[in-house]
N, C-alpha and C. Protein backbone atom coordinates (compact mmCIF):
# COMPACT_ATOMS: atom_id res chain seq x y z
N LEU A 1 0.86 -1.16 0.00
CA LEU A 1 0.00 0.00 0.00
C LEU A 1 0.91 1.22 0.00
N ARG A 2 0.73 2.10 -0.97
CA ARG A 2 1.59 3.28 -1.10
C ARG A 2 0.86 4.53 -0.63
N VAL A 3 1.57 5.38 0.11
CA VAL A 3 1.05 6.69 0.51
C VAL A 3 1.68 7.70 -0.42
N LEU A 4 0.83 8.43 -1.17
CA LEU A 4 1.31 9.40 -2.15
C LEU A 4 0.98 10.82 -1.72
N ASP A 5 1.83 11.75 -2.08
CA ASP A 5 1.58 13.16 -1.86
C ASP A 5 0.47 13.59 -2.82
N ALA A 6 -0.58 14.17 -2.31
CA ALA A 6 -1.73 14.53 -3.15
C ALA A 6 -1.42 15.66 -4.13
N LEU A 7 -0.42 16.48 -3.84
CA LEU A 7 -0.09 17.59 -4.73
C LEU A 7 0.70 17.18 -5.95
N ASP A 8 1.74 16.36 -5.73
CA ASP A 8 2.59 16.01 -6.88
C ASP A 8 2.66 14.52 -7.19
N GLY A 9 2.04 13.68 -6.35
CA GLY A 9 1.97 12.25 -6.63
C GLY A 9 3.20 11.45 -6.26
N HIS A 10 4.21 12.08 -5.64
CA HIS A 10 5.40 11.29 -5.27
C HIS A 10 5.09 10.43 -4.04
N GLU A 11 5.74 9.28 -4.00
CA GLU A 11 5.53 8.34 -2.90
C GLU A 11 6.19 8.84 -1.63
N ILE A 12 5.39 8.92 -0.56
CA ILE A 12 5.90 9.35 0.74
C ILE A 12 6.45 8.14 1.50
N ARG A 13 5.68 7.05 1.49
CA ARG A 13 6.10 5.81 2.14
C ARG A 13 5.22 4.67 1.69
N LYS A 14 5.64 3.47 2.02
CA LYS A 14 4.83 2.29 1.80
C LYS A 14 4.36 1.77 3.14
N LEU A 15 3.12 1.30 3.18
CA LEU A 15 2.59 0.67 4.38
C LEU A 15 2.60 -0.84 4.16
N GLU A 16 3.07 -1.54 5.18
CA GLU A 16 3.22 -2.99 5.09
C GLU A 16 1.85 -3.67 5.12
N THR A 17 1.55 -4.44 4.10
CA THR A 17 0.30 -5.21 4.06
C THR A 17 0.46 -6.39 3.12
N THR A 18 -0.28 -7.44 3.41
CA THR A 18 -0.23 -8.63 2.56
C THR A 18 -1.55 -8.87 1.84
N GLY A 19 -2.48 -7.97 1.99
CA GLY A 19 -3.77 -8.14 1.34
C GLY A 19 -4.39 -6.81 1.02
N PRO A 20 -5.57 -6.81 0.44
CA PRO A 20 -6.22 -5.55 0.06
C PRO A 20 -6.65 -4.75 1.29
N ALA A 21 -6.42 -3.45 1.24
CA ALA A 21 -6.85 -2.56 2.31
C ALA A 21 -8.26 -2.09 2.01
N MET A 22 -9.17 -2.34 2.95
CA MET A 22 -10.57 -1.94 2.77
C MET A 22 -10.84 -0.57 3.40
N TYR A 23 -9.99 -0.16 4.36
CA TYR A 23 -10.19 1.08 5.08
C TYR A 23 -8.86 1.46 5.72
N LEU A 24 -8.58 2.74 5.79
CA LEU A 24 -7.36 3.22 6.44
C LEU A 24 -7.69 4.51 7.17
N GLU A 25 -7.21 4.62 8.40
CA GLU A 25 -7.45 5.81 9.22
C GLU A 25 -6.24 6.05 10.10
N TYR A 26 -5.80 7.30 10.21
CA TYR A 26 -4.72 7.65 11.12
C TYR A 26 -5.30 7.98 12.49
N ALA A 27 -4.58 7.62 13.54
CA ALA A 27 -4.96 8.00 14.90
C ALA A 27 -4.82 9.50 15.04
N SER A 28 -5.51 10.08 16.02
CA SER A 28 -5.50 11.53 16.19
C SER A 28 -4.10 12.08 16.47
N ASP A 29 -3.22 11.27 17.07
CA ASP A 29 -1.86 11.75 17.32
C ASP A 29 -0.94 11.58 16.11
N GLY A 30 -1.43 10.93 15.06
CA GLY A 30 -0.66 10.75 13.83
C GLY A 30 0.45 9.71 13.91
N LYS A 31 0.58 9.01 15.04
CA LYS A 31 1.68 8.05 15.22
C LYS A 31 1.35 6.66 14.70
N SER A 32 0.07 6.32 14.61
CA SER A 32 -0.30 5.00 14.13
C SER A 32 -1.47 5.11 13.16
N ALA A 33 -1.63 4.05 12.39
CA ALA A 33 -2.73 3.99 11.43
C ALA A 33 -3.46 2.67 11.62
N LEU A 34 -4.76 2.71 11.43
CA LEU A 34 -5.60 1.52 11.50
C LEU A 34 -5.96 1.13 10.08
N MET A 35 -5.78 -0.13 9.77
CA MET A 35 -6.13 -0.61 8.44
C MET A 35 -7.02 -1.84 8.59
N LEU A 36 -8.12 -1.86 7.86
CA LEU A 36 -8.97 -3.03 7.78
C LEU A 36 -8.50 -3.79 6.55
N ARG A 37 -7.90 -4.96 6.77
CA ARG A 37 -7.32 -5.74 5.68
C ARG A 37 -8.26 -6.87 5.30
N GLY A 38 -8.63 -6.90 4.02
CA GLY A 38 -9.58 -7.92 3.58
C GLY A 38 -10.90 -7.70 4.30
N ASN A 39 -11.53 -8.78 4.68
CA ASN A 39 -12.81 -8.68 5.39
C ASN A 39 -12.72 -9.17 6.82
N GLU A 40 -11.50 -9.36 7.33
CA GLU A 40 -11.38 -9.99 8.64
C GLU A 40 -10.41 -9.31 9.59
N ASN A 41 -9.26 -8.90 9.10
CA ASN A 41 -8.18 -8.51 9.99
C ASN A 41 -8.08 -7.01 10.21
N ILE A 42 -7.82 -6.67 11.47
CA ILE A 42 -7.57 -5.29 11.85
C ILE A 42 -6.06 -5.17 12.06
N CYS A 43 -5.45 -4.19 11.41
CA CYS A 43 -4.00 -4.00 11.49
C CYS A 43 -3.71 -2.62 12.08
N ILE A 44 -2.72 -2.55 12.93
CA ILE A 44 -2.21 -1.28 13.43
C ILE A 44 -0.81 -1.13 12.86
N LEU A 45 -0.60 -0.02 12.17
CA LEU A 45 0.67 0.26 11.52
C LEU A 45 1.37 1.42 12.20
N ASP A 46 2.68 1.39 12.25
CA ASP A 46 3.46 2.55 12.67
C ASP A 46 3.39 3.55 11.53
N ALA A 47 2.85 4.72 11.78
CA ALA A 47 2.60 5.69 10.70
C ALA A 47 3.89 6.24 10.10
N GLU A 48 4.94 6.32 10.88
CA GLU A 48 6.20 6.86 10.37
C GLU A 48 6.92 5.87 9.47
N SER A 49 7.06 4.64 9.94
CA SER A 49 7.82 3.64 9.18
C SER A 49 6.95 2.85 8.20
N GLY A 50 5.64 2.80 8.47
CA GLY A 50 4.75 2.01 7.65
C GLY A 50 4.75 0.53 8.01
N LYS A 51 5.52 0.15 9.03
CA LYS A 51 5.62 -1.25 9.44
C LYS A 51 4.41 -1.68 10.26
N LEU A 52 4.06 -2.94 10.10
CA LEU A 52 2.96 -3.54 10.84
C LEU A 52 3.36 -3.68 12.30
N ALA A 53 2.59 -3.06 13.22
CA ALA A 53 2.85 -3.14 14.66
C ALA A 53 2.13 -4.33 15.28
N ARG A 54 0.87 -4.53 14.88
CA ARG A 54 0.10 -5.68 15.35
C ARG A 54 -1.07 -5.91 14.42
N GLU A 55 -1.56 -7.14 14.44
CA GLU A 55 -2.69 -7.51 13.60
C GLU A 55 -3.49 -8.56 14.34
N TRP A 56 -4.81 -8.45 14.24
CA TRP A 56 -5.67 -9.46 14.85
C TRP A 56 -6.93 -9.63 14.02
N ARG A 57 -7.54 -10.78 14.18
CA ARG A 57 -8.80 -11.05 13.49
C ARG A 57 -9.89 -10.29 14.22
N GLY A 58 -10.65 -9.48 13.48
CA GLY A 58 -11.62 -8.58 14.10
C GLY A 58 -12.93 -9.23 14.50
N ALA A 59 -13.24 -10.40 13.95
CA ALA A 59 -14.50 -11.07 14.27
C ALA A 59 -14.47 -12.46 13.65
N PRO A 60 -15.34 -13.36 14.13
CA PRO A 60 -15.41 -14.69 13.52
C PRO A 60 -15.92 -14.65 12.08
N LYS A 61 -16.66 -13.61 11.75
CA LYS A 61 -17.20 -13.45 10.40
C LYS A 61 -16.64 -12.17 9.78
N VAL A 62 -17.26 -11.69 8.73
CA VAL A 62 -16.79 -10.50 8.00
C VAL A 62 -16.85 -9.24 8.89
N VAL A 63 -15.78 -8.44 8.85
CA VAL A 63 -15.74 -7.14 9.52
C VAL A 63 -16.08 -6.08 8.49
N THR A 64 -17.06 -5.25 8.78
CA THR A 64 -17.49 -4.21 7.84
C THR A 64 -16.97 -2.82 8.20
N SER A 65 -16.56 -2.64 9.46
CA SER A 65 -16.13 -1.32 9.90
C SER A 65 -15.17 -1.46 11.07
N ALA A 66 -14.14 -0.61 11.09
CA ALA A 66 -13.22 -0.51 12.22
C ALA A 66 -12.74 0.93 12.30
N ARG A 67 -12.80 1.51 13.49
CA ARG A 67 -12.43 2.92 13.67
C ARG A 67 -11.71 3.12 14.99
N PHE A 68 -10.81 4.10 15.02
CA PHE A 68 -10.12 4.50 16.25
C PHE A 68 -11.05 5.26 17.18
N SER A 69 -10.77 5.17 18.49
CA SER A 69 -11.40 6.06 19.47
C SER A 69 -10.72 7.42 19.33
N PRO A 70 -11.35 8.48 19.87
CA PRO A 70 -10.75 9.82 19.75
C PRO A 70 -9.33 9.91 20.32
N ASP A 71 -9.04 9.15 21.38
CA ASP A 71 -7.70 9.20 21.97
C ASP A 71 -6.73 8.20 21.33
N GLY A 72 -7.22 7.39 20.38
CA GLY A 72 -6.38 6.44 19.68
C GLY A 72 -6.01 5.20 20.47
N GLN A 73 -6.59 5.01 21.66
CA GLN A 73 -6.25 3.89 22.52
C GLN A 73 -7.09 2.64 22.28
N LYS A 74 -8.26 2.82 21.65
CA LYS A 74 -9.15 1.70 21.38
C LYS A 74 -9.58 1.71 19.92
N VAL A 75 -10.08 0.56 19.47
CA VAL A 75 -10.66 0.41 18.15
C VAL A 75 -12.04 -0.21 18.36
N VAL A 76 -13.00 0.25 17.60
CA VAL A 76 -14.32 -0.39 17.58
C VAL A 76 -14.47 -1.06 16.22
N SER A 77 -14.99 -2.29 16.23
CA SER A 77 -15.24 -2.99 14.97
C SER A 77 -16.61 -3.63 15.01
N THR A 78 -17.18 -3.82 13.82
CA THR A 78 -18.49 -4.44 13.71
C THR A 78 -18.58 -5.15 12.38
N GLY A 79 -19.62 -5.97 12.22
CA GLY A 79 -19.75 -6.69 10.98
C GLY A 79 -20.89 -7.68 10.97
N PHE A 80 -20.64 -8.85 10.39
CA PHE A 80 -21.70 -9.83 10.14
C PHE A 80 -22.07 -10.68 11.36
N GLU A 81 -21.43 -10.49 12.50
CA GLU A 81 -21.74 -11.36 13.63
C GLU A 81 -22.80 -10.77 14.58
N ASN A 82 -23.42 -9.67 14.21
CA ASN A 82 -24.49 -9.06 15.00
C ASN A 82 -24.03 -8.54 16.36
N SER A 83 -22.76 -8.20 16.49
CA SER A 83 -22.27 -7.56 17.70
C SER A 83 -21.16 -6.60 17.31
N THR A 84 -20.82 -5.74 18.24
CA THR A 84 -19.75 -4.76 18.04
C THR A 84 -18.70 -5.03 19.11
N ARG A 85 -17.44 -4.95 18.71
CA ARG A 85 -16.35 -5.25 19.64
C ARG A 85 -15.46 -4.03 19.84
N LEU A 86 -14.97 -3.88 21.07
CA LEU A 86 -13.96 -2.87 21.40
C LEU A 86 -12.65 -3.60 21.63
N TRP A 87 -11.56 -3.01 21.14
CA TRP A 87 -10.24 -3.61 21.22
C TRP A 87 -9.25 -2.62 21.82
N GLU A 88 -8.28 -3.13 22.58
CA GLU A 88 -7.17 -2.32 23.07
C GLU A 88 -6.12 -2.24 21.97
N VAL A 89 -5.76 -1.04 21.54
CA VAL A 89 -4.78 -0.88 20.46
C VAL A 89 -3.42 -1.42 20.87
N ALA A 90 -3.02 -1.19 22.11
CA ALA A 90 -1.68 -1.59 22.55
C ALA A 90 -1.46 -3.10 22.50
N THR A 91 -2.54 -3.88 22.70
CA THR A 91 -2.39 -5.33 22.79
C THR A 91 -3.15 -6.11 21.71
N GLY A 92 -4.17 -5.49 21.12
CA GLY A 92 -5.03 -6.20 20.18
C GLY A 92 -6.03 -7.11 20.88
N LYS A 93 -6.14 -6.99 22.19
CA LYS A 93 -7.05 -7.82 22.97
C LYS A 93 -8.44 -7.20 23.03
N SER A 94 -9.45 -8.06 23.06
CA SER A 94 -10.84 -7.60 23.16
C SER A 94 -11.07 -6.95 24.52
N ALA A 95 -11.65 -5.76 24.51
CA ALA A 95 -11.94 -5.03 25.75
C ALA A 95 -13.41 -5.16 26.13
N ALA A 96 -14.30 -5.33 25.14
CA ALA A 96 -15.73 -5.45 25.43
C ALA A 96 -16.46 -5.90 24.17
N VAL A 97 -17.62 -6.49 24.37
CA VAL A 97 -18.50 -6.87 23.27
C VAL A 97 -19.87 -6.26 23.56
N LEU A 98 -20.39 -5.53 22.57
CA LEU A 98 -21.72 -4.94 22.67
C LEU A 98 -22.68 -5.82 21.88
N ASP A 99 -23.58 -6.49 22.57
CA ASP A 99 -24.53 -7.40 21.92
C ASP A 99 -25.90 -6.74 21.80
N GLY A 100 -26.66 -7.19 20.82
CA GLY A 100 -28.02 -6.70 20.67
C GLY A 100 -28.23 -5.81 19.47
N LEU A 101 -27.38 -5.93 18.47
CA LEU A 101 -27.54 -5.11 17.27
C LEU A 101 -28.79 -5.47 16.50
N GLY A 102 -29.21 -6.72 16.57
CA GLY A 102 -30.42 -7.14 15.88
C GLY A 102 -30.20 -7.59 14.46
N ASN A 103 -29.04 -7.29 13.87
CA ASN A 103 -28.77 -7.68 12.51
C ASN A 103 -27.34 -7.30 12.15
N VAL A 104 -26.94 -7.53 10.92
CA VAL A 104 -25.61 -7.16 10.44
C VAL A 104 -25.44 -5.65 10.55
N SER A 105 -24.27 -5.23 11.02
CA SER A 105 -23.98 -3.81 11.15
C SER A 105 -22.97 -3.40 10.09
N ASN A 106 -23.18 -2.25 9.47
CA ASN A 106 -22.28 -1.73 8.45
C ASN A 106 -21.25 -0.75 9.00
N VAL A 107 -21.58 -0.10 10.11
CA VAL A 107 -20.72 0.96 10.61
C VAL A 107 -20.77 1.01 12.13
N ALA A 108 -19.62 1.32 12.72
CA ALA A 108 -19.51 1.59 14.15
C ALA A 108 -18.49 2.70 14.32
N ILE A 109 -18.86 3.74 15.05
CA ILE A 109 -17.97 4.87 15.29
C ILE A 109 -18.05 5.28 16.76
N PHE A 110 -17.02 5.93 17.24
CA PHE A 110 -17.05 6.53 18.56
C PHE A 110 -17.63 7.93 18.45
N THR A 111 -18.32 8.38 19.49
CA THR A 111 -18.69 9.79 19.55
C THR A 111 -17.43 10.58 19.89
N GLY A 112 -17.46 11.88 19.68
CA GLY A 112 -16.28 12.72 19.88
C GLY A 112 -15.72 12.69 21.28
N ASP A 113 -16.57 12.43 22.29
CA ASP A 113 -16.10 12.37 23.67
C ASP A 113 -15.56 10.99 24.04
N GLY A 114 -15.72 10.01 23.15
CA GLY A 114 -15.23 8.66 23.41
C GLY A 114 -16.04 7.86 24.41
N LYS A 115 -17.18 8.40 24.86
CA LYS A 115 -17.99 7.72 25.87
C LYS A 115 -19.06 6.81 25.29
N ARG A 116 -19.30 6.94 23.99
CA ARG A 116 -20.34 6.15 23.34
C ARG A 116 -19.84 5.62 22.01
N VAL A 117 -20.49 4.55 21.58
CA VAL A 117 -20.29 4.02 20.23
C VAL A 117 -21.63 4.10 19.53
N VAL A 118 -21.61 4.46 18.26
CA VAL A 118 -22.83 4.55 17.45
C VAL A 118 -22.71 3.50 16.34
N THR A 119 -23.76 2.68 16.18
CA THR A 119 -23.77 1.64 15.16
C THR A 119 -24.97 1.82 14.24
N GLY A 120 -24.86 1.26 13.05
CA GLY A 120 -25.98 1.29 12.11
C GLY A 120 -25.80 0.20 11.07
N GLY A 121 -26.94 -0.31 10.53
CA GLY A 121 -26.83 -1.36 9.52
C GLY A 121 -28.17 -1.87 9.06
N TYR A 122 -28.23 -3.20 8.90
CA TYR A 122 -29.41 -3.84 8.31
C TYR A 122 -30.63 -3.86 9.22
N ALA A 123 -30.46 -3.58 10.51
CA ALA A 123 -31.62 -3.46 11.40
C ALA A 123 -32.37 -2.16 11.14
N LYS A 124 -31.81 -1.31 10.24
CA LYS A 124 -32.41 -0.03 9.85
C LYS A 124 -32.57 0.90 11.05
N THR A 125 -31.64 0.76 11.98
CA THR A 125 -31.67 1.52 13.22
C THR A 125 -30.26 2.03 13.52
N VAL A 126 -30.18 3.26 14.04
CA VAL A 126 -28.94 3.80 14.57
C VAL A 126 -29.00 3.62 16.08
N GLN A 127 -27.98 2.96 16.64
CA GLN A 127 -27.97 2.69 18.07
C GLN A 127 -26.80 3.39 18.73
N PHE A 128 -27.06 4.04 19.85
CA PHE A 128 -26.04 4.64 20.69
C PHE A 128 -25.80 3.69 21.86
N TRP A 129 -24.52 3.37 22.11
CA TRP A 129 -24.14 2.45 23.17
C TRP A 129 -23.33 3.19 24.23
N ASN A 130 -23.74 3.06 25.48
CA ASN A 130 -23.01 3.64 26.60
C ASN A 130 -21.85 2.71 26.92
N LEU A 131 -20.62 3.19 26.83
CA LEU A 131 -19.46 2.31 27.04
C LEU A 131 -19.21 1.98 28.51
N GLU A 132 -19.74 2.79 29.43
CA GLU A 132 -19.60 2.45 30.85
C GLU A 132 -20.45 1.24 31.21
N THR A 133 -21.66 1.17 30.66
CA THR A 133 -22.57 0.07 31.00
C THR A 133 -22.56 -1.04 29.96
N GLY A 134 -22.13 -0.73 28.73
CA GLY A 134 -22.19 -1.71 27.66
C GLY A 134 -23.58 -1.93 27.11
N LYS A 135 -24.50 -1.06 27.48
CA LYS A 135 -25.91 -1.19 27.08
C LYS A 135 -26.32 -0.13 26.07
N GLU A 136 -27.34 -0.47 25.29
CA GLU A 136 -27.91 0.50 24.36
C GLU A 136 -28.53 1.65 25.14
N ALA A 137 -28.17 2.87 24.78
CA ALA A 137 -28.70 4.06 25.46
C ALA A 137 -29.80 4.73 24.65
N LEU A 138 -29.77 4.57 23.32
CA LEU A 138 -30.74 5.23 22.46
C LEU A 138 -30.78 4.50 21.12
N ALA A 139 -31.97 4.38 20.55
CA ALA A 139 -32.11 3.81 19.21
C ALA A 139 -32.97 4.74 18.37
N ILE A 140 -32.53 5.00 17.15
CA ILE A 140 -33.28 5.83 16.21
C ILE A 140 -33.61 4.97 15.01
N ARG A 141 -34.88 4.77 14.76
CA ARG A 141 -35.32 3.98 13.60
C ARG A 141 -35.12 4.83 12.35
N ASN A 142 -34.36 4.32 11.39
CA ASN A 142 -34.08 5.07 10.17
C ASN A 142 -35.32 5.13 9.29
N ARG A 143 -35.54 6.24 8.63
CA ARG A 143 -36.73 6.45 7.81
C ARG A 143 -36.46 6.23 6.34
N VAL A 144 -37.50 5.88 5.62
CA VAL A 144 -37.45 5.79 4.16
C VAL A 144 -38.46 6.79 3.63
N PHE A 145 -38.06 7.57 2.65
CA PHE A 145 -38.97 8.55 2.10
C PHE A 145 -39.47 8.11 0.73
N LYS A 146 -38.72 8.33 -0.32
CA LYS A 146 -39.19 7.97 -1.66
C LYS A 146 -38.83 6.55 -2.05
N ASN A 147 -37.72 6.06 -1.55
CA ASN A 147 -37.25 4.74 -1.95
C ASN A 147 -37.94 3.69 -1.11
N LYS A 148 -38.82 2.91 -1.70
CA LYS A 148 -39.60 1.93 -0.96
C LYS A 148 -39.00 0.53 -0.96
N ASP A 149 -37.84 0.36 -1.65
CA ASP A 149 -37.27 -0.99 -1.67
C ASP A 149 -36.72 -1.37 -0.30
N SER A 150 -36.46 -2.65 -0.12
CA SER A 150 -36.06 -3.15 1.20
C SER A 150 -34.70 -2.63 1.65
N GLU A 151 -33.84 -2.21 0.73
CA GLU A 151 -32.52 -1.70 1.10
C GLU A 151 -32.56 -0.21 1.42
N GLY A 152 -33.68 0.44 1.16
CA GLY A 152 -33.76 1.90 1.25
C GLY A 152 -33.42 2.51 2.59
N SER A 153 -33.71 1.83 3.68
CA SER A 153 -33.43 2.43 4.98
C SER A 153 -32.31 1.73 5.72
N VAL A 154 -31.59 0.83 5.05
CA VAL A 154 -30.42 0.19 5.65
C VAL A 154 -29.33 1.25 5.80
N VAL A 155 -28.77 1.38 7.00
CA VAL A 155 -27.77 2.40 7.29
C VAL A 155 -26.41 1.96 6.73
N ALA A 156 -25.86 2.75 5.81
CA ALA A 156 -24.54 2.48 5.24
C ALA A 156 -23.45 3.19 6.02
N ASP A 157 -23.74 4.40 6.52
CA ASP A 157 -22.76 5.17 7.29
C ASP A 157 -23.50 6.13 8.20
N VAL A 158 -22.81 6.59 9.23
CA VAL A 158 -23.41 7.51 10.19
C VAL A 158 -22.36 8.51 10.66
N ILE A 159 -22.79 9.73 10.89
CA ILE A 159 -21.95 10.78 11.43
C ILE A 159 -22.73 11.42 12.58
N VAL A 160 -22.02 11.76 13.64
CA VAL A 160 -22.63 12.41 14.80
C VAL A 160 -21.84 13.68 15.08
N THR A 161 -22.54 14.80 15.26
CA THR A 161 -21.84 16.04 15.58
C THR A 161 -21.20 15.94 16.97
N PRO A 162 -20.12 16.69 17.23
CA PRO A 162 -19.44 16.60 18.53
C PRO A 162 -20.34 16.88 19.73
N ASP A 163 -21.33 17.76 19.57
CA ASP A 163 -22.22 18.05 20.70
C ASP A 163 -23.40 17.07 20.79
N LEU A 164 -23.41 16.05 19.93
CA LEU A 164 -24.43 14.98 19.90
C LEU A 164 -25.82 15.49 19.52
N SER A 165 -25.91 16.71 18.98
CA SER A 165 -27.23 17.27 18.67
C SER A 165 -27.77 16.82 17.32
N THR A 166 -26.90 16.34 16.43
CA THR A 166 -27.35 15.95 15.10
C THR A 166 -26.70 14.63 14.70
N VAL A 167 -27.54 13.75 14.15
CA VAL A 167 -27.08 12.47 13.60
C VAL A 167 -27.40 12.51 12.11
N VAL A 168 -26.42 12.14 11.28
CA VAL A 168 -26.62 12.08 9.84
C VAL A 168 -26.42 10.63 9.42
N THR A 169 -27.39 10.07 8.70
CA THR A 169 -27.23 8.72 8.18
C THR A 169 -27.21 8.77 6.66
N VAL A 170 -26.45 7.86 6.08
CA VAL A 170 -26.45 7.64 4.65
C VAL A 170 -27.03 6.26 4.45
N ASN A 171 -28.12 6.18 3.70
CA ASN A 171 -28.81 4.91 3.49
C ASN A 171 -28.30 4.24 2.23
N MET A 172 -28.40 2.91 2.20
CA MET A 172 -27.99 2.17 1.00
C MET A 172 -28.89 2.50 -0.19
N GLY A 173 -30.06 3.03 0.06
CA GLY A 173 -30.97 3.43 -1.00
C GLY A 173 -30.68 4.81 -1.56
N GLY A 174 -29.59 5.45 -1.10
CA GLY A 174 -29.19 6.74 -1.64
C GLY A 174 -29.83 7.95 -0.97
N VAL A 175 -30.30 7.78 0.25
CA VAL A 175 -30.94 8.89 0.97
C VAL A 175 -30.08 9.28 2.16
N ILE A 176 -29.91 10.58 2.36
CA ILE A 176 -29.22 11.10 3.54
C ILE A 176 -30.28 11.66 4.46
N CYS A 177 -30.26 11.23 5.73
CA CYS A 177 -31.24 11.70 6.70
C CYS A 177 -30.53 12.44 7.82
N LEU A 178 -31.11 13.57 8.26
CA LEU A 178 -30.61 14.32 9.40
C LEU A 178 -31.61 14.19 10.53
N TYR A 179 -31.11 13.81 11.69
CA TYR A 179 -31.93 13.72 12.89
C TYR A 179 -31.36 14.73 13.87
N ARG A 180 -32.22 15.65 14.34
CA ARG A 180 -31.77 16.68 15.27
C ARG A 180 -32.45 16.52 16.61
N LYS A 181 -31.66 16.77 17.65
CA LYS A 181 -32.20 16.74 19.00
C LYS A 181 -33.19 17.87 19.16
N SER A 182 -34.36 17.57 19.69
CA SER A 182 -35.38 18.64 19.84
C SER A 182 -35.39 19.21 21.23
């Protein structure tokens, strides 16, 4: 995997990988990078050297999403096993499992304060998880407007504003929905 300068296209460095990269994200401190390799493995790379620091299998089945926590100390992953997992970056060990997604999840992200995880997927619901309790704190049923097909309200991605006042979902049916706290 090559990192190129966007202005002139010269290679800055190579990142060590043995398979296709499905997702890449740098930690907030810029010292490490998270890579979702293939459909299973979560890799932590040294951002400066590009060398693989650690790698672990993210789930027994396909992993659809893996993201850093705001402080870069944890990773959240989700996928086809109907649960979301938290991992310690330093060790690659499982820190917690959030059960009760109800279906395959496409995305899992941390909120800006790192106290919650937000998931979304085939259950057509956005779920907020309290990381202190490991329990669902809030569920928002995704809406379908013009697209009446069965994929129309499946959550493909989700964004949450830092103050938690607005949730934006992108549906597989091509609809973007904004949910605002009233």
